[in-house]
Amino acid sequence: MKIVVIIPARYGSTRFVGKPLMLFEGKPMIQQVYERASLSNIVTDVVVATDDQRIFDVVMDFGGNAVMTSKKNRSGTDRVAEAAEKMGLDFEDIVVNIQGDQPRVHLQHLQDVVSPFRAEPGTEMSTLAFKILKKGEITNPKDCKVTFDNKGYALYFSRSPIPCARDADTIFDTYKHLGIYAYTRRFLETFRNLPEGKLEMIEKLEQLRAIEYGYKIRVIITEYDSPEVDHPEDILRIEKTH
C-alpha cells in the first residue's frame, strides 16, 4: 500500500488569483508545501495536480513532480481523484490531499491523517481538526468548523460557528477543520462520481458531498494548526508564525 501526497493547485482562485505561485519565505508557496510534504518518511510520492501550465512549469523547475488535470474539476478532491487515476494508483493505495495554500503543513499532520487507515479497518476517508485558540476564527466564515460524534466521525462542516450555544455561559471547545484529507483511491473514484450535494453547493465545502450521500469521514484531532493563505495579507501574517 502506497501513501501518496497529491497537492491540488489552481491558478484562477476567485479570492486570490495566482496564489500557488506567490512567494512565501522566498519561494513559491506551492514549493513550500511540496518540500514540507516530501520530508515525511511515510510518503511514497508527492505530486502537484494542476490545470495551469504556469504552475506545472514552476513545479518542474524546482525539481518536483506534477500532473496536468482538467479545468472542469468541481473541487480539489475531484482534481486529486483525476490525478490518482492518471498516476495509475491501486485502489487500496492511500492518497493524502494537502492544499497548496498551507505552507505551514506539519509532518505530524501526515501521520495523524493516515492513522485511521492503519488502526481502523474499513476507513475510506479521514481529515483533521484543530481546537480553535483564537476566538475570531469561530465566527470568521473563511475558517471552516467541524463537529463530530463520540466515535470521531464528522457530523457536519460549516462556515458558521458549530455548535452554537443557546446559553451564553455554556463552555465548550470549537474545532477548526484543516483542509488535509486522506482517502483510499477506491473512495476517490466513488466521490468523483457523486452529484454535487445541496449542502456542498450552499457552503462551498466539498467534504459535505461525502456526508450528504451517507459516507463517513473520520476526524482526527491534531495538535498542530495549518493556517491557509486565502488573501494576500495572509502571507505576511503566516510568515510571522512558527
C-alpha atoms as a PDB file:
ATOM      1  CA  MET A   1       0.000   0.000   0.000  1.00  0.00           C
ATOM      2  CA  LYS A   2       1.453   3.308  -1.108  1.00  0.00           C
ATOM      3  CA  ILE A   3       0.854   6.621   0.645  1.00  0.00           C
ATOM      4  CA  VAL A   4       0.906   9.360  -1.979  1.00  0.00           C
ATOM      5  CA  VAL A   5       0.512  13.095  -1.374  1.00  0.00           C
ATOM      6  CA  ILE A   6      -1.330  14.942  -4.130  1.00  0.00           C
ATOM      7  CA  ILE A   7      -1.481  18.736  -3.861  1.00  0.00           C
ATOM      8  CA  PRO A   8      -4.294  20.314  -5.923  1.00  0.00           C
ATOM      9  CA  ALA A   9      -3.387  23.775  -7.209  1.00  0.00           C
ATOM     10  CA  ARG A  10      -5.389  26.189  -9.357  1.00  0.00           C
ATOM     11  CA  TYR A  11      -4.163  29.490 -10.744  1.00  0.00           C
ATOM     12  CA  GLY A  12      -7.600  31.083 -11.037  1.00  0.00           C
ATOM     13  CA  SER A  13      -8.644  31.261  -7.381  1.00  0.00           C
ATOM     14  CA  THR A  14     -11.612  33.610  -7.020  1.00  0.00           C
ATOM     15  CA  ARG A  15     -10.212  35.147  -3.823  1.00  0.00           C
ATOM     16  CA  PHE A  16      -6.515  35.256  -4.753  1.00  0.00           C
ATOM     17  CA  VAL A  17      -5.525  34.792  -8.405  1.00  0.00           C
ATOM     18  CA  GLY A  18      -2.140  33.113  -8.887  1.00  0.00           C
ATOM     19  CA  LYS A  19      -1.911  32.137  -5.218  1.00  0.00           C
ATOM     20  CA  PRO A  20       0.209  28.969  -5.603  1.00  0.00           C
ATOM     21  CA  LEU A  21       2.980  30.994  -7.268  1.00  0.00           C
ATOM     22  CA  MET A  22       3.108  33.803  -4.707  1.00  0.00           C
ATOM     23  CA  LEU A  23       6.336  33.933  -2.742  1.00  0.00           C
ATOM     24  CA  PHE A  24       6.309  32.630   0.818  1.00  0.00           C
ATOM     25  CA  GLU A  25       9.620  32.990   2.654  1.00  0.00           C
ATOM     26  CA  GLY A  26      11.384  33.453  -0.672  1.00  0.00           C
ATOM     27  CA  LYS A  27       9.908  30.502  -2.556  1.00  0.00           C
ATOM     28  CA  PRO A  28       6.681  29.926  -4.496  1.00  0.00           C
ATOM     29  CA  MET A  29       4.075  28.803  -1.980  1.00  0.00           C
ATOM     30  CA  ILE A  30       3.446  25.549  -3.876  1.00  0.00           C
ATOM     31  CA  GLN A  31       7.138  24.727  -3.492  1.00  0.00           C
ATOM     32  CA  GLN A  32       6.987  25.276   0.274  1.00  0.00           C
ATOM     33  CA  VAL A  33       4.061  22.853   0.585  1.00  0.00           C
ATOM     34  CA  TYR A  34       5.678  20.314  -1.738  1.00  0.00           C
ATOM     35  CA  GLU A  35       9.021  20.353   0.088  1.00  0.00           C
ATOM     36  CA  ARG A  36       7.431  20.016   3.522  1.00  0.00           C
ATOM     37  CA  ALA A  37       5.358  17.028   2.412  1.00  0.00           C
ATOM     38  CA  SER A  38       8.429  15.443   0.833  1.00  0.00           C
ATOM     39  CA  LEU A  39      10.165  15.352   4.226  1.00  0.00           C
ATOM     40  CA  SER A  40       7.719  12.754   5.544  1.00  0.00           C
ATOM     41  CA  ASN A  41       9.169   9.265   5.915  1.00  0.00           C
ATOM     42  CA  ILE A  42       5.776   7.610   5.363  1.00  0.00           C
ATOM     43  CA  VAL A  43       5.147   9.118   1.933  1.00  0.00           C
ATOM     44  CA  THR A  44       5.964   7.270  -1.279  1.00  0.00           C
ATOM     45  CA  ASP A  45       5.463  10.151  -3.720  1.00  0.00           C
ATOM     46  CA  VAL A  46       4.486  13.821  -3.754  1.00  0.00           C
ATOM     47  CA  VAL A  47       2.748  15.259  -6.830  1.00  0.00           C
ATOM     48  CA  VAL A  48       1.085  18.575  -7.678  1.00  0.00           C
ATOM     49  CA  ALA A  49      -2.203  18.283  -9.589  1.00  0.00           C
ATOM     50  CA  THR A  50      -2.894  21.439 -11.565  1.00  0.00           C
ATOM     51  CA  ASP A  51      -4.853  22.742 -14.540  1.00  0.00           C
ATOM     52  CA  ASP A  52      -2.433  25.554 -15.324  1.00  0.00           C
ATOM     53  CA  GLN A  53       0.765  25.379 -17.362  1.00  0.00           C
ATOM     54  CA  ARG A  54       2.417  28.121 -15.291  1.00  0.00           C
ATOM     55  CA  ILE A  55       2.060  26.111 -12.085  1.00  0.00           C
ATOM     56  CA  PHE A  56       3.156  22.929 -13.865  1.00  0.00           C
ATOM     57  CA  ASP A  57       6.295  24.644 -15.170  1.00  0.00           C
ATOM     58  CA  VAL A  58       7.253  26.101 -11.776  1.00  0.00           C
ATOM     59  CA  VAL A  59       6.915  22.694 -10.122  1.00  0.00           C
ATOM     60  CA  MET A  60       9.073  21.034 -12.765  1.00  0.00           C
ATOM     61  CA  ASP A  61      11.637  23.852 -12.492  1.00  0.00           C
ATOM     62  CA  PHE A  62      12.214  23.245  -8.774  1.00  0.00           C
ATOM     63  CA  GLY A  63      12.553  19.511  -9.398  1.00  0.00           C
ATOM     64  CA  GLY A  64       9.061  18.429  -8.343  1.00  0.00           C
ATOM     65  CA  ASN A  65       6.506  16.156  -9.959  1.00  0.00           C
ATOM     66  CA  ALA A  66       3.272  17.472 -11.466  1.00  0.00           C
ATOM     67  CA  VAL A  67       0.238  16.130 -13.310  1.00  0.00           C
ATOM     68  CA  MET A  68      -1.963  18.200 -15.624  1.00  0.00           C
ATOM     69  CA  THR A  69      -5.672  17.818 -14.891  1.00  0.00           C
ATOM     70  CA  SER A  70      -8.906  19.121 -16.362  1.00  0.00           C
ATOM     71  CA  LYS A  71     -10.189  22.630 -15.726  1.00  0.00           C
ATOM     72  CA  LYS A  72     -13.659  21.079 -15.320  1.00  0.00           C
ATOM     73  CA  ASN A  73     -12.996  19.519 -11.907  1.00  0.00           C
ATOM     74  CA  ARG A  74     -15.600  20.674  -9.383  1.00  0.00           C
ATOM     75  CA  SER A  75     -13.294  20.680  -6.356  1.00  0.00           C
ATOM     76  CA  GLY A  76      -9.803  19.928  -5.146  1.00  0.00           C
ATOM     77  CA  THR A  77     -10.818  16.380  -4.259  1.00  0.00           C
ATOM     78  CA  ASP A  78     -12.125  15.786  -7.789  1.00  0.00           C
ATOM     79  CA  ARG A  79      -8.788  17.070  -9.129  1.00  0.00           C
ATOM     80  CA  VAL A  80      -6.904  14.745  -6.783  1.00  0.00           C
ATOM     81  CA  ALA A  81      -9.060  11.836  -7.951  1.00  0.00           C
ATOM     82  CA  GLU A  82      -8.228  12.558 -11.595  1.00  0.00           C
ATOM     83  CA  ALA A  83      -4.506  12.785 -10.800  1.00  0.00           C
ATOM     84  CA  ALA A  84      -4.610   9.497  -8.869  1.00  0.00           C
ATOM     85  CA  GLU A  85      -6.198   7.815 -11.880  1.00  0.00           C
ATOM     86  CA  LYS A  86      -3.590   9.239 -14.263  1.00  0.00           C
ATOM     87  CA  MET A  87      -0.830   8.022 -11.946  1.00  0.00           C
ATOM     88  CA  GLY A  88      -2.245   4.504 -12.071  1.00  0.00           C
ATOM     89  CA  LEU A  89      -2.530   4.132  -8.307  1.00  0.00           C
ATOM     90  CA  ASP A  90      -4.050   0.928  -6.937  1.00  0.00           C
ATOM     91  CA  PHE A  91      -7.499   1.113  -5.368  1.00  0.00           C
ATOM     92  CA  GLU A  92      -6.020   0.196  -1.968  1.00  0.00           C
ATOM     93  CA  ASP A  93      -3.392   2.960  -2.032  1.00  0.00           C
ATOM     94  CA  ILE A  94      -3.859   5.902   0.342  1.00  0.00           C
ATOM     95  CA  VAL A  95      -3.972   9.386  -1.155  1.00  0.00           C
ATOM     96  CA  VAL A  96      -3.314  12.406   1.063  1.00  0.00           C
ATOM     97  CA  ASN A  97      -4.715  15.723  -0.158  1.00  0.00           C
ATOM     98  CA  ILE A  98      -2.816  18.765   1.131  1.00  0.00           C
ATOM     99  CA  GLN A  99      -3.997  22.175  -0.025  1.00  0.00           C
ATOM    100  CA  GLY A 100      -1.480  24.210  -1.987  1.00  0.00           C
ATOM    101  CA  ASP A 101      -2.099  27.197   0.292  1.00  0.00           C
ATOM    102  CA  GLN A 102      -0.931  25.530   3.525  1.00  0.00           C
ATOM    103  CA  PRO A 103       2.781  26.447   3.681  1.00  0.00           C
ATOM    104  CA  ARG A 104       2.968  25.551   7.386  1.00  0.00           C
ATOM    105  CA  VAL A 105       1.772  21.979   6.961  1.00  0.00           C
ATOM    106  CA  HIS A 106       3.432  19.859   9.684  1.00  0.00           C
ATOM    107  CA  LEU A 107       4.925  16.394   9.285  1.00  0.00           C
ATOM    108  CA  GLN A 108       2.710  15.215  12.141  1.00  0.00           C
ATOM    109  CA  HIS A 109      -0.325  16.141  10.052  1.00  0.00           C
ATOM    110  CA  LEU A 110       0.509  13.355   7.622  1.00  0.00           C
ATOM    111  CA  GLN A 111       0.991  10.840  10.423  1.00  0.00           C
ATOM    112  CA  ASP A 112      -2.298  11.892  12.018  1.00  0.00           C
ATOM    113  CA  VAL A 113      -4.468  11.869   8.911  1.00  0.00           C
ATOM    114  CA  VAL A 114      -3.416   8.365   7.797  1.00  0.00           C
ATOM    115  CA  SER A 115      -3.575   6.844  11.297  1.00  0.00           C
ATOM    116  CA  PRO A 116      -7.188   5.550  10.983  1.00  0.00           C
ATOM    117  CA  PHE A 117      -6.304   3.531   7.890  1.00  0.00           C
ATOM    118  CA  ARG A 118      -3.856   1.550   9.990  1.00  0.00           C
ATOM    119  CA  ALA A 119      -5.863   1.272  13.197  1.00  0.00           C
ATOM    120  CA  GLU A 120      -9.461   1.143  11.987  1.00  0.00           C
ATOM    121  CA  PRO A 121     -10.132  -1.282   9.115  1.00  0.00           C
ATOM    122  CA  GLY A 122     -12.748  -0.060   6.675  1.00  0.00           C
ATOM    123  CA  THR A 123     -11.753   3.621   6.871  1.00  0.00           C
ATOM    124  CA  GLU A 124     -12.314   5.284   3.495  1.00  0.00           C
ATOM    125  CA  MET A 125     -11.822   8.989   4.223  1.00  0.00           C
ATOM    126  CA  SER A 126     -10.267  10.987   7.035  1.00  0.00           C
ATOM    127  CA  THR A 127      -9.444  14.589   7.822  1.00  0.00           C
ATOM    128  CA  LEU A 128      -8.009  16.774  10.584  1.00  0.00           C
ATOM    129  CA  ALA A 129      -9.425  19.130  13.208  1.00  0.00           C
ATOM    130  CA  PHE A 130      -7.636  21.619  15.458  1.00  0.00           C
ATOM    131  CA  LYS A 131      -9.061  23.098  18.646  1.00  0.00           C
ATOM    132  CA  ILE A 132      -9.598  26.792  17.999  1.00  0.00           C
ATOM    133  CA  LEU A 133      -7.440  29.031  20.184  1.00  0.00           C
ATOM    134  CA  LYS A 134      -8.227  32.370  18.524  1.00  0.00           C
ATOM    135  CA  LYS A 135     -11.844  33.352  19.187  1.00  0.00           C
ATOM    136  CA  GLY A 136     -12.074  35.297  15.930  1.00  0.00           C
ATOM    137  CA  GLU A 137     -11.779  32.061  13.974  1.00  0.00           C
ATOM    138  CA  ILE A 138     -15.020  30.787  15.472  1.00  0.00           C
ATOM    139  CA  THR A 139     -17.090  33.443  13.715  1.00  0.00           C
ATOM    140  CA  ASN A 140     -14.912  34.010  10.621  1.00  0.00           C
ATOM    141  CA  PRO A 141     -16.569  32.232   7.655  1.00  0.00           C
ATOM    142  CA  LYS A 142     -13.207  31.598   5.990  1.00  0.00           C
ATOM    143  CA  ASP A 143     -12.369  29.225   8.858  1.00  0.00           C
ATOM    144  CA  CYS A 144     -14.401  26.048   8.447  1.00  0.00           C
ATOM    145  CA  LYS A 145     -15.671  24.450  11.659  1.00  0.00           C
ATOM    146  CA  VAL A 146     -16.421  20.766  12.237  1.00  0.00           C
ATOM    147  CA  THR A 147     -18.482  18.760  14.719  1.00  0.00           C
ATOM    148  CA  PHE A 148     -18.124  15.019  15.200  1.00  0.00           C
ATOM    149  CA  ASP A 149     -19.771  12.177  17.105  1.00  0.00           C
ATOM    150  CA  ASN A 150     -18.373  10.270  20.084  1.00  0.00           C
ATOM    151  CA  LYS A 151     -16.614   7.830  17.749  1.00  0.00           C
ATOM    152  CA  GLY A 152     -14.829  10.607  15.891  1.00  0.00           C
ATOM    153  CA  TYR A 153     -16.932  10.678  12.723  1.00  0.00           C
ATOM    154  CA  ALA A 154     -17.908  14.009  11.205  1.00  0.00           C
ATOM    155  CA  LEU A 155     -21.464  15.178  11.777  1.00  0.00           C
ATOM    156  CA  TYR A 156     -21.198  18.452   9.878  1.00  0.00           C
ATOM    157  CA  PHE A 157     -18.800  21.059   8.499  1.00  0.00           C
ATOM    158  CA  SER A 158     -19.795  24.717   8.340  1.00  0.00           C
ATOM    159  CA  ARG A 159     -18.527  28.229   7.828  1.00  0.00           C
ATOM    160  CA  SER A 160     -20.799  29.226  10.710  1.00  0.00           C
ATOM    161  CA  PRO A 161     -19.975  28.590  14.383  1.00  0.00           C
ATOM    162  CA  ILE A 162     -20.880  24.989  15.247  1.00  0.00           C
ATOM    163  CA  PRO A 163     -22.052  24.032  17.729  1.00  0.00           C
ATOM    164  CA  CYS A 164     -23.790  27.285  18.611  1.00  0.00           C
ATOM    165  CA  ALA A 165     -24.656  27.552  22.308  1.00  0.00           C
ATOM    166  CA  ARG A 166     -28.109  28.718  23.296  1.00  0.00           C
ATOM    167  CA  ASP A 167     -26.874  29.989  26.664  1.00  0.00           C
ATOM    168  CA  ALA A 168     -24.023  32.484  26.862  1.00  0.00           C
ATOM    169  CA  ASP A 169     -22.453  30.786  29.889  1.00  0.00           C
ATOM    170  CA  THR A 170     -22.051  27.399  28.155  1.00  0.00           C
ATOM    171  CA  ILE A 171     -18.373  26.457  27.955  1.00  0.00           C
ATOM    172  CA  PHE A 172     -17.169  24.112  25.195  1.00  0.00           C
ATOM    173  CA  ASP A 173     -14.423  23.685  22.612  1.00  0.00           C
ATOM    174  CA  THR A 174     -14.865  24.596  18.952  1.00  0.00           C
ATOM    175  CA  TYR A 175     -12.824  22.790  16.318  1.00  0.00           C
ATOM    176  CA  LYS A 176     -11.496  24.169  13.063  1.00  0.00           C
ATOM    177  CA  HIS A 177     -11.326  21.890  10.073  1.00  0.00           C
ATOM    178  CA  LEU A 178      -7.895  21.736   8.455  1.00  0.00           C
ATOM    179  CA  GLY A 179      -8.005  21.124   4.712  1.00  0.00           C
ATOM    180  CA  ILE A 180      -5.923  17.954   4.823  1.00  0.00           C
ATOM    181  CA  TYR A 181      -7.614  14.707   3.810  1.00  0.00           C
ATOM    182  CA  ALA A 182      -6.731  11.082   3.243  1.00  0.00           C
ATOM    183  CA  TYR A 183      -8.745   8.615   1.191  1.00  0.00           C
ATOM    184  CA  THR A 184      -8.387   5.236  -0.426  1.00  0.00           C
ATOM    185  CA  ARG A 185      -8.045   5.536  -4.179  1.00  0.00           C
ATOM    186  CA  ARG A 186     -11.203   3.409  -4.329  1.00  0.00           C
ATOM    187  CA  PHE A 187     -13.202   6.004  -2.400  1.00  0.00           C
ATOM    188  CA  LEU A 188     -11.870   8.826  -4.582  1.00  0.00           C
ATOM    189  CA  GLU A 189     -13.486   7.109  -7.556  1.00  0.00           C
ATOM    190  CA  THR A 190     -16.762   6.898  -5.640  1.00  0.00           C
ATOM    191  CA  PHE A 191     -16.564  10.555  -4.605  1.00  0.00           C
ATOM    192  CA  ARG A 192     -15.840  11.961  -8.054  1.00  0.00           C
ATOM    193  CA  ASN A 193     -18.901  10.183  -9.478  1.00  0.00           C
ATOM    194  CA  LEU A 194     -21.340  11.590  -6.907  1.00  0.00           C
ATOM    195  CA  PRO A 195     -23.554  14.529  -7.956  1.00  0.00           C
ATOM    196  CA  GLU A 196     -22.849  17.833  -6.254  1.00  0.00           C
ATOM    197  CA  GLY A 197     -24.536  17.925  -2.849  1.00  0.00           C
ATOM    198  CA  LYS A 198     -27.033  20.603  -1.919  1.00  0.00           C
ATOM    199  CA  LEU A 199     -25.162  21.469   1.277  1.00  0.00           C
ATOM    200  CA  GLU A 200     -21.868  21.374  -0.622  1.00  0.00           C
ATOM    201  CA  MET A 201     -23.262  23.947  -3.032  1.00  0.00           C
ATOM    202  CA  ILE A 202     -24.559  26.212  -0.257  1.00  0.00           C
ATOM    203  CA  GLU A 203     -21.475  26.174   1.999  1.00  0.00           C
ATOM    204  CA  LYS A 204     -18.937  25.673  -0.828  1.00  0.00           C
ATOM    205  CA  LEU A 205     -17.361  22.835   1.175  1.00  0.00           C
ATOM    206  CA  GLU A 206     -16.605  19.755  -0.926  1.00  0.00           C
ATOM    207  CA  GLN A 207     -16.384  17.372   2.058  1.00  0.00           C
ATOM    208  CA  LEU A 208     -20.119  17.821   2.647  1.00  0.00           C
ATOM    209  CA  ARG A 209     -20.719  15.838  -0.543  1.00  0.00           C
ATOM    210  CA  ALA A 210     -19.487  12.690   1.191  1.00  0.00           C
ATOM    211  CA  ILE A 211     -21.689  13.247   4.252  1.00  0.00           C
ATOM    212  CA  GLU A 212     -24.789  14.090   2.193  1.00  0.00           C
ATOM    213  CA  TYR A 213     -24.537  10.781   0.361  1.00  0.00           C
ATOM    214  CA  GLY A 214     -24.093   8.761   3.537  1.00  0.00           C
ATOM    215  CA  TYR A 215     -20.321   8.214   3.643  1.00  0.00           C
ATOM    216  CA  LYS A 216     -18.345   8.548   6.861  1.00  0.00           C
ATOM    217  CA  ILE A 217     -15.396  10.879   7.402  1.00  0.00           C
ATOM    218  CA  ARG A 218     -13.096  10.048  10.295  1.00  0.00           C
ATOM    219  CA  VAL A 219     -11.939  13.200  12.088  1.00  0.00           C
ATOM    220  CA  ILE A 220      -8.575  13.181  13.870  1.00  0.00           C
ATOM    221  CA  ILE A 221      -7.750  15.973  16.321  1.00  0.00           C
ATOM    222  CA  THR A 222      -4.231  17.222  15.708  1.00  0.00           C
ATOM    223  CA  GLU A 223      -2.020  19.296  17.993  1.00  0.00           C
ATOM    224  CA  TYR A 224      -0.745  21.460  15.148  1.00  0.00           C
ATOM    225  CA  ASP A 225      -2.544  24.200  13.251  1.00  0.00           C
ATOM    226  CA  SER A 226      -2.096  24.672   9.500  1.00  0.00           C
ATOM    227  CA  PRO A 227      -3.247  28.193   8.595  1.00  0.00           C
ATOM    228  CA  GLU A 228      -4.331  28.715   4.990  1.00  0.00           C
ATOM    229  CA  VAL A 229      -3.478  31.634   2.734  1.00  0.00           C
ATOM    230  CA  ASP A 230      -6.828  32.947   1.492  1.00  0.00           C
ATOM    231  CA  HIS A 231      -5.867  36.578   0.844  1.00  0.00           C
ATOM    232  CA  PRO A 232      -2.574  38.363   0.021  1.00  0.00           C
ATOM    233  CA  GLU A 233      -2.356  39.807   3.541  1.00  0.00           C
ATOM    234  CA  ASP A 234      -2.357  36.294   4.993  1.00  0.00           C
ATOM    235  CA  ILE A 235       1.154  35.653   3.634  1.00  0.00           C
ATOM    236  CA  LEU A 236       2.907  38.136   5.923  1.00  0.00           C
ATOM    237  CA  ARG A 237       0.757  37.107   8.890  1.00  0.00           C
ATOM    238  CA  ILE A 238       1.589  33.422   8.492  1.00  0.00           C
ATOM    239  CA  GLU A 239       5.260  34.098   7.751  1.00  0.00           C
ATOM    240  CA  LYS A 240       5.470  35.620  11.240  1.00  0.00           C
ATOM    241  CA  THR A 241       4.183  32.403  12.875  1.00  0.00           C
ATOM    242  CA  HIS A 242       6.413  29.459  13.709  1.00  0.00           C
END
